Protein backbone atom coordinates (compact mmCIF):
# COMPACT_ATOMS: atom_id res chain seq x y z
CA MET A 1 0.16 0.11 0.01
CA ASN A 2 1.33 3.32 -0.94
CA ALA A 3 -1.47 5.69 -0.08
CA PHE A 4 -4.42 5.29 2.42
CA GLU A 5 -6.81 5.51 -0.19
CA ASP A 6 -5.83 2.07 -1.15
CA LEU A 7 -6.68 1.07 2.35
CA LYS A 8 -10.26 -0.68 2.14
CA ILE A 9 -11.30 0.51 5.78
CA TRP A 10 -10.28 3.96 4.53
CA GLN A 11 -12.79 3.79 1.47
CA ILE A 12 -15.72 2.15 3.80
CA ALA A 13 -14.94 4.84 6.29
CA ARG A 14 -15.41 7.74 3.58
CA GLN A 15 -18.61 5.79 2.15
CA LEU A 16 -20.16 5.78 5.88
CA CYS A 17 -19.35 9.53 6.12
CA ASP A 18 -21.09 10.01 3.15
CA GLU A 19 -24.25 7.97 4.29
CA VAL A 20 -24.06 9.96 7.38
CA PHE A 21 -24.40 13.69 5.17
CA GLN A 22 -27.00 12.23 3.16
CA LEU A 23 -29.03 11.12 6.00
CA TYR A 24 -28.86 14.61 7.13
CA LYS A 25 -30.19 16.07 3.93
CA SER A 26 -33.39 13.38 3.79
CA SER A 27 -34.44 13.69 7.12
CA ASP A 28 -35.35 16.20 10.25
CA LEU A 29 -31.74 15.50 11.33
CA GLN A 30 -30.60 18.89 9.59
CA TYR A 31 -32.86 20.43 12.50
CA ASP A 32 -31.53 18.90 15.37
CA LYS A 33 -27.80 20.75 15.29
CA VAL A 34 -26.46 19.52 17.93
CA LEU A 35 -26.05 15.90 16.97
CA TRP A 36 -25.72 16.26 13.43
CA ASN A 37 -22.48 18.31 14.43
CA GLN A 38 -21.49 15.44 16.57
CA MET A 39 -22.11 13.10 14.11
CA ASN A 40 -20.30 14.77 10.88
CA LYS A 41 -17.20 15.02 13.53
CA SER A 42 -17.08 11.43 14.47
CA SER A 43 -17.97 10.02 10.68
CA GLY A 44 -15.30 12.30 9.64
CA SER A 45 -13.01 11.24 12.14
CA ILE A 46 -13.03 7.68 11.70
CA MET A 47 -11.50 8.62 7.64
CA ASP A 48 -9.46 11.10 8.99
CA ASN A 49 -7.64 9.50 11.68
CA ILE A 50 -6.96 6.32 9.46
CA ALA A 51 -5.48 8.40 7.13
CA GLU A 52 -3.37 10.54 9.59
CA GLY A 53 -2.04 7.43 11.20
CA PHE A 54 -1.24 5.80 7.59
CA GLU A 55 0.55 9.12 7.06
CA ARG A 56 2.66 9.25 10.04
CA ASN A 57 5.00 6.10 8.67
CA GLY A 58 5.25 4.13 11.98
CA ASN A 59 3.59 1.23 13.17
CA ARG A 60 3.06 2.65 17.12
CA GLU A 61 1.67 6.04 15.80
CA PHE A 62 -0.84 3.88 12.84
CA ARG A 63 -2.08 1.97 16.08
CA GLN A 64 -2.95 4.99 18.05
CA PHE A 65 -4.76 6.61 15.26
CA LEU A 66 -6.93 3.38 14.40
CA SER A 67 -7.43 3.05 17.99
CA VAL A 68 -8.97 6.62 17.90
CA ALA A 69 -10.76 5.68 14.46
CA LYS A 70 -12.15 2.48 16.17
CA ALA A 71 -13.57 4.93 18.93
CA SER A 72 -15.07 7.23 16.57
CA CYS A 73 -16.58 4.49 15.08
CA GLY A 74 -18.17 3.18 18.56
CA GLU A 75 -19.22 7.08 19.05
CA LEU A 76 -20.73 7.07 15.53
CA ARG A 77 -22.93 3.96 16.31
CA SER A 78 -24.19 5.12 19.45
CA GLN A 79 -25.60 8.41 17.82
CA CYS A 80 -27.29 6.36 15.35
CA TYR A 81 -29.24 5.02 18.18
CA ARG A 82 -30.24 8.83 19.11
CA CYS A 83 -31.33 9.27 15.36
CA HIS A 84 -33.12 6.04 15.46
CA ASP A 85 -34.78 7.30 18.95
CA ARG A 86 -35.61 10.71 17.47
CA ALA A 87 -37.35 9.19 14.36
CA TYR A 88 -34.50 10.58 12.07
CA LEU A 89 -33.89 6.84 10.96
CA ASP A 90 -36.69 4.07 10.31
CA GLU A 91 -35.73 0.27 11.85
CA SER A 92 -33.99 -0.89 8.63
CA GLN A 93 -32.14 2.23 7.86
CA PHE A 94 -31.16 1.94 11.52
CA LYS A 95 -30.19 -1.89 11.09
CA GLU A 96 -28.35 -1.13 8.18
CA LEU A 97 -26.33 1.55 9.13
CA ARG A 98 -25.34 -0.18 12.60
CA GLY A 99 -24.38 -3.22 10.62
CA LYS A 100 -22.01 -1.25 8.50
CA LEU A 101 -20.54 0.37 11.88
CA VAL A 102 -19.83 -2.78 13.28
CA ARG A 103 -18.59 -4.18 10.34
CA GLN A 104 -16.17 -1.30 10.13
CA SER A 105 -14.97 -1.64 13.74
CA GLN A 106 -14.35 -5.42 13.04
CA MET A 107 -11.99 -4.50 10.59
CA ILE A 108 -10.23 -1.62 12.15
CA SER A 109 -9.62 -4.08 14.94
CA HIS A 110 -8.42 -6.82 12.59
CA LEU A 111 -6.31 -4.11 11.09
CA LEU A 112 -4.79 -2.89 14.52
CA LYS A 113 -4.09 -6.68 15.48
CA HIS A 114 -2.29 -7.02 12.17
CA VAL A 115 -0.20 -3.80 12.51
CA SER A 116 0.65 -4.71 16.04
CA HIS A 117 2.31 -8.15 14.99
CA SER A 118 3.88 -6.99 11.84
CA GLU A 119 7.48 -6.90 11.41
CA MET A 120 7.65 -3.72 9.37
CA LYS A 121 7.84 -0.67 11.63
CA GLY A 122 7.61 2.05 9.02
CA ALA A 123 10.18 4.57 7.68
CA LYS A 124 10.89 6.22 10.94
CA PHE A 125 11.80 3.18 12.81
CA ILE A 126 13.99 1.73 10.52
CA PRO A 127 17.87 2.31 11.44
CA ILE A 128 19.85 4.43 9.12
CA SER A 129 23.20 2.87 8.64
CA PRO A 130 25.90 5.89 8.72
CA GLY A 131 27.84 6.51 5.43
CA PRO A 132 31.27 5.65 5.01
CA ASP A 133 32.07 9.22 6.12
CA GLU A 134 30.38 9.32 9.12
CA ILE A 135 32.03 6.25 10.74
CA SER A 136 34.99 7.38 13.06
């Protein structure tokens, strides 16, 4: 992978972010500014933290940002319950979106586990050998 855009979990996070925006445009959520603001931030946080962690070039930081993305996924799932309770989402919309968020959280967990056990540590953790002029 050369770019965060290549990561399936980032692609799905982007789709989820758009789905949340479509919900905003098509329901009374647009009148619930506080809930909408929270959902917009948490849905964006999922994709943004995946991207930022990937761009850090190190496993330790990537794990940290994936953990934040996973937490934001849980936050958005909780906010979906409020949308359902306030009738911004009907039962089938709620179940579909909740299911996607559960799967996204599982995918992030899987990548977190993979990165944690990977031998590759990222560019900034690879020791740089001194050049011939630097050896004393």
